[in-house]
């Protein structure tokens, strides 16, 4: 059984304005993914899932942006080389390569699906990243006295 990517988001009842776009709390997406009985998610186009942290102001967390690529054949190597600006994947630092693999999914035609667990892995990566917490805390602590990170303030938009 599979469900469409956009239909997953349509089941989230609480929607928010995030930088002028319709957005969703990351924890709400996690809940939908955990409750859904589908094994796979059908992908009909390329998508970008862009996280934001919203507190007293909004911070776009673009370095955790998920790219979902609808492709005829696997092309991660081509994608990452182009993104980093190198000719060979061997030229890319292993830490950058490791992080990039966590924020990139491919749906290969004709099946054009990703697994529910792949999307949930991304959600968990963002939600549990100590590095993300540290980066957000550093930014907001400059402007907000006694700032405390709250995972419920991570939102995502779909492009």
N, C-alpha and C. Protein backbone atom coordinates (compact mmCIF):
# COMPACT_ATOMS: atom_id res chain seq x y z
N UNK A 1 0.84 -1.19 0.00
CA UNK A 1 0.00 0.00 0.00
C UNK A 1 0.89 1.25 0.00
N UNK A 2 0.47 2.25 -0.77
CA UNK A 2 1.23 3.50 -0.77
C UNK A 2 0.29 4.70 -0.71
N UNK A 3 0.87 5.82 -0.34
CA UNK A 3 0.13 7.07 -0.21
C UNK A 3 0.93 8.13 -0.97
N UNK A 4 0.25 9.12 -1.50
CA UNK A 4 0.98 10.16 -2.23
C UNK A 4 1.65 11.13 -1.24
N UNK A 5 2.75 11.69 -1.68
CA UNK A 5 3.53 12.61 -0.85
C UNK A 5 2.67 13.77 -0.36
N UNK A 6 1.97 14.42 -1.28
CA UNK A 6 1.16 15.59 -0.88
C UNK A 6 -0.04 15.19 -0.02
N UNK A 7 -0.60 14.00 -0.25
CA UNK A 7 -1.71 13.54 0.59
C UNK A 7 -1.29 13.36 2.05
N UNK A 8 -0.05 12.98 2.28
CA UNK A 8 0.45 12.89 3.65
C UNK A 8 0.29 14.24 4.37
N UNK A 9 0.67 15.29 3.68
CA UNK A 9 0.61 16.62 4.28
C UNK A 9 -0.83 17.11 4.41
N UNK A 10 -1.69 16.69 3.50
CA UNK A 10 -3.10 17.08 3.58
C UNK A 10 -3.79 16.49 4.81
N UNK A 11 -3.23 15.41 5.36
CA UNK A 11 -3.84 14.82 6.56
C UNK A 11 -3.45 15.56 7.83
N UNK A 12 -2.48 16.46 7.74
CA UNK A 12 -2.10 17.28 8.90
C UNK A 12 -3.12 18.41 9.00
N UNK A 13 -3.86 18.41 10.09
CA UNK A 13 -4.95 19.38 10.21
C UNK A 13 -4.46 20.78 10.56
N UNK A 14 -3.41 20.87 11.35
CA UNK A 14 -2.93 22.19 11.78
C UNK A 14 -1.88 22.71 10.80
N UNK A 15 -2.25 23.74 10.07
CA UNK A 15 -1.35 24.35 9.10
C UNK A 15 -0.97 25.74 9.61
N UNK A 16 0.21 26.20 9.23
CA UNK A 16 0.73 27.47 9.73
C UNK A 16 1.29 28.30 8.59
N UNK A 17 1.28 29.61 8.78
CA UNK A 17 1.94 30.50 7.84
C UNK A 17 3.42 30.52 8.20
N UNK A 18 4.24 30.07 7.26
CA UNK A 18 5.69 30.03 7.47
C UNK A 18 6.33 30.80 6.33
N UNK A 19 6.80 31.99 6.65
CA UNK A 19 7.46 32.84 5.66
C UNK A 19 6.58 33.03 4.42
N UNK A 20 5.28 33.19 4.63
CA UNK A 20 4.36 33.44 3.54
C UNK A 20 3.89 32.18 2.82
N UNK A 21 4.31 31.03 3.27
CA UNK A 21 3.93 29.75 2.66
C UNK A 21 3.16 28.91 3.68
N UNK A 22 2.42 27.94 3.18
CA UNK A 22 1.74 27.00 4.07
C UNK A 22 2.79 26.07 4.67
N UNK A 23 2.78 25.95 5.98
CA UNK A 23 3.77 25.13 6.64
C UNK A 23 3.14 24.20 7.67
N UNK A 24 3.97 23.28 8.14
CA UNK A 24 3.53 22.25 9.06
C UNK A 24 4.60 22.07 10.14
N UNK A 25 4.15 21.74 11.34
CA UNK A 25 5.13 21.44 12.39
C UNK A 25 5.77 20.08 12.07
N UNK A 26 7.06 20.00 12.27
CA UNK A 26 7.78 18.76 12.01
C UNK A 26 7.23 17.61 12.86
N UNK A 27 6.89 17.90 14.11
CA UNK A 27 6.35 16.85 14.98
C UNK A 27 4.99 16.35 14.50
N UNK A 28 4.21 17.20 13.84
CA UNK A 28 2.94 16.76 13.27
C UNK A 28 3.16 15.81 12.09
N UNK A 29 4.17 16.10 11.27
CA UNK A 29 4.51 15.20 10.18
C UNK A 29 4.98 13.86 10.74
N UNK A 30 5.80 13.91 11.76
CA UNK A 30 6.28 12.68 12.39
C UNK A 30 5.10 11.82 12.87
N UNK A 31 4.14 12.44 13.49
CA UNK A 31 2.96 11.72 13.99
C UNK A 31 2.18 11.07 12.83
N UNK A 32 1.99 11.80 11.75
CA UNK A 32 1.29 11.27 10.58
C UNK A 32 2.06 10.07 10.00
N UNK A 33 3.36 10.18 9.91
CA UNK A 33 4.17 9.09 9.36
C UNK A 33 4.09 7.85 10.25
N UNK A 34 4.11 8.04 11.55
CA UNK A 34 4.07 6.91 12.47
C UNK A 34 2.71 6.21 12.47
N UNK A 35 1.65 6.96 12.24
CA UNK A 35 0.30 6.39 12.25
C UNK A 35 -0.12 5.80 10.91
N UNK A 36 0.54 6.20 9.85
CA UNK A 36 0.14 5.76 8.51
C UNK A 36 0.56 4.30 8.28
N UNK A 37 -0.33 3.51 7.72
CA UNK A 37 -0.06 2.09 7.47
C UNK A 37 0.59 1.83 6.13
N UNK A 38 0.73 2.85 5.32
CA UNK A 38 1.34 2.67 4.00
C UNK A 38 2.83 2.35 4.17
N UNK A 39 3.34 1.54 3.26
CA UNK A 39 4.76 1.22 3.29
C UNK A 39 5.59 2.18 2.46
N UNK A 40 4.94 2.76 1.45
CA UNK A 40 5.69 3.65 0.57
C UNK A 40 4.89 4.90 0.23
N UNK A 41 5.63 5.88 -0.27
CA UNK A 41 5.06 7.18 -0.62
C UNK A 41 5.31 7.40 -2.10
N UNK A 42 4.24 7.65 -2.85
CA UNK A 42 4.40 7.91 -4.27
C UNK A 42 4.83 9.36 -4.50
N UNK A 43 5.77 9.51 -5.39
CA UNK A 43 6.35 10.82 -5.71
C UNK A 43 6.01 11.14 -7.16
N UNK A 44 5.36 12.28 -7.38
CA UNK A 44 4.95 12.65 -8.74
C UNK A 44 5.74 13.81 -9.32
N UNK A 45 6.69 14.34 -8.54
CA UNK A 45 7.47 15.49 -8.97
C UNK A 45 8.69 15.60 -8.07
N UNK A 46 9.60 16.52 -8.39
CA UNK A 46 10.70 16.84 -7.48
C UNK A 46 10.15 17.71 -6.36
N UNK A 47 10.65 17.52 -5.14
CA UNK A 47 10.20 18.31 -4.00
C UNK A 47 11.39 18.76 -3.16
N UNK A 48 11.19 19.90 -2.53
CA UNK A 48 12.11 20.40 -1.52
C UNK A 48 11.30 20.54 -0.24
N UNK A 49 11.82 19.99 0.86
CA UNK A 49 11.22 20.15 2.17
C UNK A 49 12.17 21.06 2.94
N UNK A 50 11.72 22.26 3.25
CA UNK A 50 12.57 23.27 3.85
C UNK A 50 12.17 23.53 5.30
N UNK A 51 13.07 23.24 6.25
CA UNK A 51 12.74 23.49 7.65
C UNK A 51 13.00 24.95 8.07
N UNK A 52 12.19 25.38 9.02
CA UNK A 52 12.32 26.69 9.64
C UNK A 52 12.23 26.52 11.15
N UNK A 53 12.88 27.39 11.88
CA UNK A 53 12.67 27.45 13.32
C UNK A 53 11.96 28.77 13.59
N UNK A 54 10.80 28.67 14.25
CA UNK A 54 10.01 29.87 14.51
C UNK A 54 9.88 30.05 16.01
N UNK A 55 10.35 31.17 16.47
CA UNK A 55 10.24 31.55 17.88
C UNK A 55 9.85 33.02 17.87
N UNK A 56 10.66 33.87 18.44
CA UNK A 56 10.37 35.30 18.39
C UNK A 56 10.55 35.86 16.97
N UNK A 57 11.32 35.15 16.17
CA UNK A 57 11.45 35.47 14.75
C UNK A 57 11.62 34.15 14.01
N UNK A 58 11.90 34.20 12.72
CA UNK A 58 11.96 33.00 11.89
C UNK A 58 13.37 32.81 11.34
N UNK A 59 13.86 31.59 11.44
CA UNK A 59 15.17 31.23 10.90
C UNK A 59 14.97 30.10 9.89
N UNK A 60 15.34 30.35 8.65
CA UNK A 60 15.31 29.31 7.62
C UNK A 60 16.52 28.41 7.84
N UNK A 61 16.29 27.13 8.01
CA UNK A 61 17.36 26.18 8.30
C UNK A 61 17.69 25.42 7.01
N UNK A 62 18.15 26.16 6.01
CA UNK A 62 18.33 25.63 4.66
C UNK A 62 19.36 24.51 4.59
N UNK A 63 20.29 24.44 5.51
CA UNK A 63 21.31 23.40 5.46
C UNK A 63 20.75 22.04 5.86
N UNK A 64 19.48 21.99 6.29
CA UNK A 64 18.78 20.74 6.57
C UNK A 64 17.66 20.50 5.55
N UNK A 65 17.71 21.18 4.45
CA UNK A 65 16.70 21.07 3.39
C UNK A 65 16.75 19.67 2.76
N UNK A 66 15.60 19.02 2.70
CA UNK A 66 15.50 17.71 2.07
C UNK A 66 15.17 17.88 0.60
N UNK A 67 15.94 17.23 -0.26
CA UNK A 67 15.67 17.19 -1.69
C UNK A 67 15.13 15.81 -2.02
N UNK A 68 13.95 15.79 -2.64
CA UNK A 68 13.38 14.54 -3.14
C UNK A 68 13.39 14.63 -4.66
N UNK A 69 14.17 13.76 -5.28
CA UNK A 69 14.40 13.81 -6.71
C UNK A 69 13.66 12.67 -7.40
N UNK A 70 12.77 13.00 -8.32
CA UNK A 70 12.11 12.02 -9.17
C UNK A 70 13.01 11.82 -10.38
N UNK A 71 13.53 10.61 -10.54
CA UNK A 71 14.57 10.40 -11.55
C UNK A 71 14.34 9.11 -12.34
N UNK A 72 14.95 9.06 -13.52
CA UNK A 72 14.90 7.86 -14.36
C UNK A 72 15.88 6.80 -13.87
N UNK A 73 16.96 7.24 -13.24
CA UNK A 73 17.98 6.34 -12.72
C UNK A 73 18.64 7.00 -11.51
N UNK A 74 19.28 6.22 -10.66
CA UNK A 74 19.96 6.81 -9.50
C UNK A 74 20.96 7.87 -9.95
N UNK A 75 20.94 9.02 -9.26
CA UNK A 75 21.83 10.11 -9.68
C UNK A 75 22.36 10.92 -8.49
N UNK A 76 22.47 10.29 -7.31
CA UNK A 76 22.98 11.01 -6.15
C UNK A 76 24.37 11.56 -6.40
N UNK A 77 25.22 10.73 -6.98
CA UNK A 77 26.60 11.16 -7.21
C UNK A 77 26.65 12.42 -8.09
N UNK A 78 25.90 12.42 -9.15
CA UNK A 78 25.82 13.59 -10.05
C UNK A 78 25.27 14.81 -9.29
N UNK A 79 24.21 14.58 -8.51
CA UNK A 79 23.58 15.65 -7.74
C UNK A 79 24.56 16.28 -6.76
N UNK A 80 25.23 15.46 -5.97
CA UNK A 80 26.11 16.00 -4.92
C UNK A 80 27.34 16.68 -5.52
N UNK A 81 27.87 16.13 -6.59
CA UNK A 81 29.03 16.77 -7.24
C UNK A 81 28.65 18.15 -7.77
N UNK A 82 27.48 18.25 -8.37
CA UNK A 82 27.02 19.54 -8.89
C UNK A 82 26.78 20.52 -7.75
N UNK A 83 26.15 20.04 -6.68
CA UNK A 83 25.85 20.92 -5.54
C UNK A 83 27.12 21.45 -4.87
N UNK A 84 28.11 20.60 -4.73
CA UNK A 84 29.35 20.98 -4.06
C UNK A 84 30.32 21.66 -5.02
N UNK A 85 30.14 21.41 -6.32
CA UNK A 85 30.99 22.06 -7.30
C UNK A 85 32.31 21.34 -7.55
N UNK A 86 32.24 20.00 -7.54
CA UNK A 86 33.44 19.21 -7.82
C UNK A 86 33.13 18.22 -8.95
N UNK A 87 34.19 17.67 -9.52
CA UNK A 87 34.01 16.75 -10.64
C UNK A 87 33.81 15.31 -10.18
N UNK A 88 34.30 14.98 -9.00
CA UNK A 88 34.26 13.58 -8.54
C UNK A 88 33.80 13.50 -7.09
N UNK A 89 33.01 12.49 -6.79
CA UNK A 89 32.51 12.30 -5.44
C UNK A 89 33.65 12.03 -4.46
N UNK A 90 34.75 11.49 -4.95
CA UNK A 90 35.92 11.23 -4.10
C UNK A 90 36.52 12.53 -3.55
N UNK A 91 36.22 13.66 -4.19
CA UNK A 91 36.75 14.96 -3.75
C UNK A 91 35.96 15.56 -2.59
N UNK A 92 34.86 14.94 -2.24
CA UNK A 92 33.96 15.51 -1.22
C UNK A 92 34.31 14.96 0.15
N UNK A 93 34.42 15.85 1.13
CA UNK A 93 34.70 15.49 2.51
C UNK A 93 33.66 14.46 2.99
N UNK A 94 34.09 13.44 3.71
CA UNK A 94 33.20 12.37 4.15
C UNK A 94 32.07 12.88 5.05
N UNK A 95 32.33 13.89 5.86
CA UNK A 95 31.29 14.45 6.73
C UNK A 95 30.20 15.13 5.89
N UNK A 96 30.61 15.89 4.90
CA UNK A 96 29.64 16.55 4.00
C UNK A 96 28.86 15.50 3.23
N UNK A 97 29.53 14.46 2.76
CA UNK A 97 28.88 13.39 2.03
C UNK A 97 27.86 12.67 2.92
N UNK A 98 28.25 12.39 4.14
CA UNK A 98 27.35 11.73 5.08
C UNK A 98 26.11 12.54 5.37
N UNK A 99 26.29 13.84 5.61
CA UNK A 99 25.13 14.71 5.86
C UNK A 99 24.25 14.80 4.62
N UNK A 100 24.88 14.91 3.47
CA UNK A 100 24.13 15.03 2.22
C UNK A 100 23.26 13.81 1.96
N UNK A 101 23.73 12.65 2.33
CA UNK A 101 22.93 11.43 2.14
C UNK A 101 21.69 11.42 3.03
N UNK A 102 21.74 12.14 4.13
CA UNK A 102 20.59 12.20 5.05
C UNK A 102 19.53 13.19 4.59
N UNK A 103 19.89 14.07 3.66
CA UNK A 103 18.95 15.10 3.21
C UNK A 103 18.65 15.00 1.72
N UNK A 104 18.77 13.79 1.20
CA UNK A 104 18.51 13.56 -0.22
C UNK A 104 17.83 12.20 -0.38
N UNK A 105 16.71 12.20 -1.10
CA UNK A 105 16.00 10.96 -1.41
C UNK A 105 15.71 10.91 -2.91
N UNK A 106 15.74 9.71 -3.46
CA UNK A 106 15.42 9.52 -4.87
C UNK A 106 14.22 8.60 -5.01
N UNK A 107 13.34 8.97 -5.92
CA UNK A 107 12.22 8.12 -6.33
C UNK A 107 12.49 7.76 -7.79
N UNK A 108 12.85 6.52 -8.03
CA UNK A 108 13.25 6.10 -9.36
C UNK A 108 12.03 5.58 -10.13
N UNK A 109 11.86 6.12 -11.34
CA UNK A 109 10.77 5.69 -12.21
C UNK A 109 11.04 4.26 -12.69
N UNK A 110 10.07 3.46 -12.97
CA UNK A 110 8.65 3.76 -13.03
C UNK A 110 7.94 3.67 -11.67
N UNK A 111 8.57 3.04 -10.66
CA UNK A 111 7.88 2.92 -9.37
C UNK A 111 7.63 4.28 -8.74
N UNK A 112 8.63 5.15 -8.79
CA UNK A 112 8.53 6.53 -8.29
C UNK A 112 8.01 6.59 -6.86
N UNK A 113 8.68 5.83 -5.98
CA UNK A 113 8.29 5.83 -4.57
C UNK A 113 9.52 5.98 -3.69
N UNK A 114 9.27 6.46 -2.49
CA UNK A 114 10.25 6.39 -1.41
C UNK A 114 9.55 5.64 -0.28
N UNK A 115 10.31 5.08 0.61
CA UNK A 115 9.69 4.34 1.71
C UNK A 115 9.28 5.31 2.81
N UNK A 116 8.28 4.90 3.56
CA UNK A 116 7.82 5.68 4.70
C UNK A 116 8.99 5.85 5.68
N UNK A 117 9.78 4.80 5.85
CA UNK A 117 10.91 4.87 6.79
C UNK A 117 11.98 5.86 6.35
N UNK A 118 12.16 6.05 5.04
CA UNK A 118 13.14 7.03 4.57
C UNK A 118 12.74 8.45 4.99
N UNK A 119 11.46 8.78 4.81
CA UNK A 119 11.00 10.12 5.20
C UNK A 119 11.04 10.27 6.72
N UNK A 120 10.69 9.23 7.43
CA UNK A 120 10.75 9.27 8.89
C UNK A 120 12.19 9.42 9.37
N UNK A 121 13.13 8.80 8.68
CA UNK A 121 14.56 8.95 9.03
C UNK A 121 15.00 10.41 8.90
N UNK A 122 14.54 11.06 7.83
CA UNK A 122 14.86 12.49 7.68
C UNK A 122 14.27 13.30 8.83
N UNK A 123 13.01 13.06 9.16
CA UNK A 123 12.35 13.78 10.26
C UNK A 123 13.14 13.58 11.55
N UNK A 124 13.54 12.36 11.83
CA UNK A 124 14.30 12.07 13.04
C UNK A 124 15.67 12.72 13.02
N UNK A 125 16.29 12.76 11.86
CA UNK A 125 17.59 13.42 11.72
C UNK A 125 17.49 14.89 12.10
N UNK A 126 16.50 15.58 11.57
CA UNK A 126 16.32 17.01 11.88
C UNK A 126 15.94 17.18 13.35
N UNK A 127 14.99 16.41 13.78
CA UNK A 127 14.45 16.54 15.13
C UNK A 127 15.49 16.26 16.22
N UNK A 128 16.40 15.34 15.96
CA UNK A 128 17.35 14.90 16.98
C UNK A 128 18.77 15.40 16.78
N UNK A 129 18.96 16.32 15.85
CA UNK A 129 20.30 16.81 15.57
C UNK A 129 20.78 17.78 16.65
N UNK A 130 21.78 17.36 17.39
CA UNK A 130 22.37 18.23 18.41
C UNK A 130 23.02 19.45 17.75
N UNK A 131 23.60 19.24 16.58
CA UNK A 131 24.22 20.33 15.84
C UNK A 131 23.18 21.41 15.48
N UNK A 132 22.00 20.96 15.07
CA UNK A 132 20.93 21.90 14.74
C UNK A 132 20.50 22.68 15.97
N UNK A 133 20.32 21.98 17.08
CA UNK A 133 19.95 22.64 18.34
C UNK A 133 20.99 23.69 18.71
N UNK A 134 22.27 23.34 18.61
CA UNK A 134 23.34 24.27 18.95
C UNK A 134 23.34 25.49 18.03
N UNK A 135 23.14 25.25 16.72
CA UNK A 135 23.15 26.36 15.76
C UNK A 135 21.97 27.30 15.98
N UNK A 136 20.81 26.74 16.21
CA UNK A 136 19.61 27.56 16.44
C UNK A 136 19.75 28.32 17.76
N UNK A 137 20.24 27.66 18.78
CA UNK A 137 20.42 28.30 20.09
C UNK A 137 21.42 29.45 19.98
N UNK A 138 22.49 29.24 19.23
CA UNK A 138 23.48 30.30 19.05
C UNK A 138 22.86 31.54 18.39
N UNK A 139 22.08 31.32 17.35
CA UNK A 139 21.46 32.44 16.63
C UNK A 139 20.44 33.16 17.52
N UNK A 140 19.51 32.43 18.10
CA UNK A 140 18.43 33.07 18.86
C UNK A 140 18.92 33.65 20.19
N UNK A 141 19.96 33.10 20.76
CA UNK A 141 20.49 33.62 22.03
C UNK A 141 21.05 35.03 21.89
N UNK A 142 21.40 35.41 20.68
CA UNK A 142 21.89 36.77 20.44
C UNK A 142 20.79 37.81 20.65
N UNK A 143 19.54 37.40 20.42
CA UNK A 143 18.42 38.33 20.43
C UNK A 143 17.40 38.06 21.53
N UNK A 144 17.39 36.84 22.05
CA UNK A 144 16.36 36.46 23.01
C UNK A 144 17.04 36.05 24.32
N UNK A 145 16.74 36.79 25.37
CA UNK A 145 17.31 36.48 26.68
C UNK A 145 16.75 35.13 27.15
N UNK A 146 17.62 34.28 27.66
CA UNK A 146 17.25 32.96 28.19
C UNK A 146 16.54 32.08 27.16
N UNK A 147 17.00 32.14 25.92
CA UNK A 147 16.40 31.33 24.86
C UNK A 147 16.52 29.84 25.18
N UNK A 148 15.43 29.10 24.97
CA UNK A 148 15.39 27.65 25.15
C UNK A 148 14.86 27.02 23.86
N UNK A 149 15.63 26.13 23.28
CA UNK A 149 15.22 25.42 22.07
C UNK A 149 14.00 24.56 22.38
N UNK A 150 13.05 24.52 21.42
CA UNK A 150 11.86 23.69 21.55
C UNK A 150 11.61 23.02 20.20
N UNK A 151 11.66 21.70 20.16
CA UNK A 151 11.49 20.96 18.91
C UNK A 151 10.13 21.26 18.27
N UNK A 152 9.14 21.65 19.06
CA UNK A 152 7.82 21.98 18.53
C UNK A 152 7.83 23.25 17.69
N UNK A 153 8.93 23.97 17.69
CA UNK A 153 9.05 25.20 16.90
C UNK A 153 9.73 24.97 15.56
N UNK A 154 9.98 23.70 15.21
CA UNK A 154 10.52 23.40 13.88
C UNK A 154 9.34 23.17 12.94
N UNK A 155 9.31 23.95 11.88
CA UNK A 155 8.25 23.87 10.87
C UNK A 155 8.89 23.53 9.54
N UNK A 156 8.07 23.02 8.63
CA UNK A 156 8.57 22.72 7.29
C UNK A 156 7.58 23.26 6.25
N UNK A 157 8.13 23.62 5.12
CA UNK A 157 7.31 23.98 3.96
C UNK A 157 7.73 23.06 2.81
N UNK A 158 6.83 22.91 1.85
CA UNK A 158 7.07 22.04 0.71
C UNK A 158 7.11 22.88 -0.56
N UNK A 159 8.15 22.68 -1.35
CA UNK A 159 8.27 23.36 -2.63
C UNK A 159 8.43 22.34 -3.73
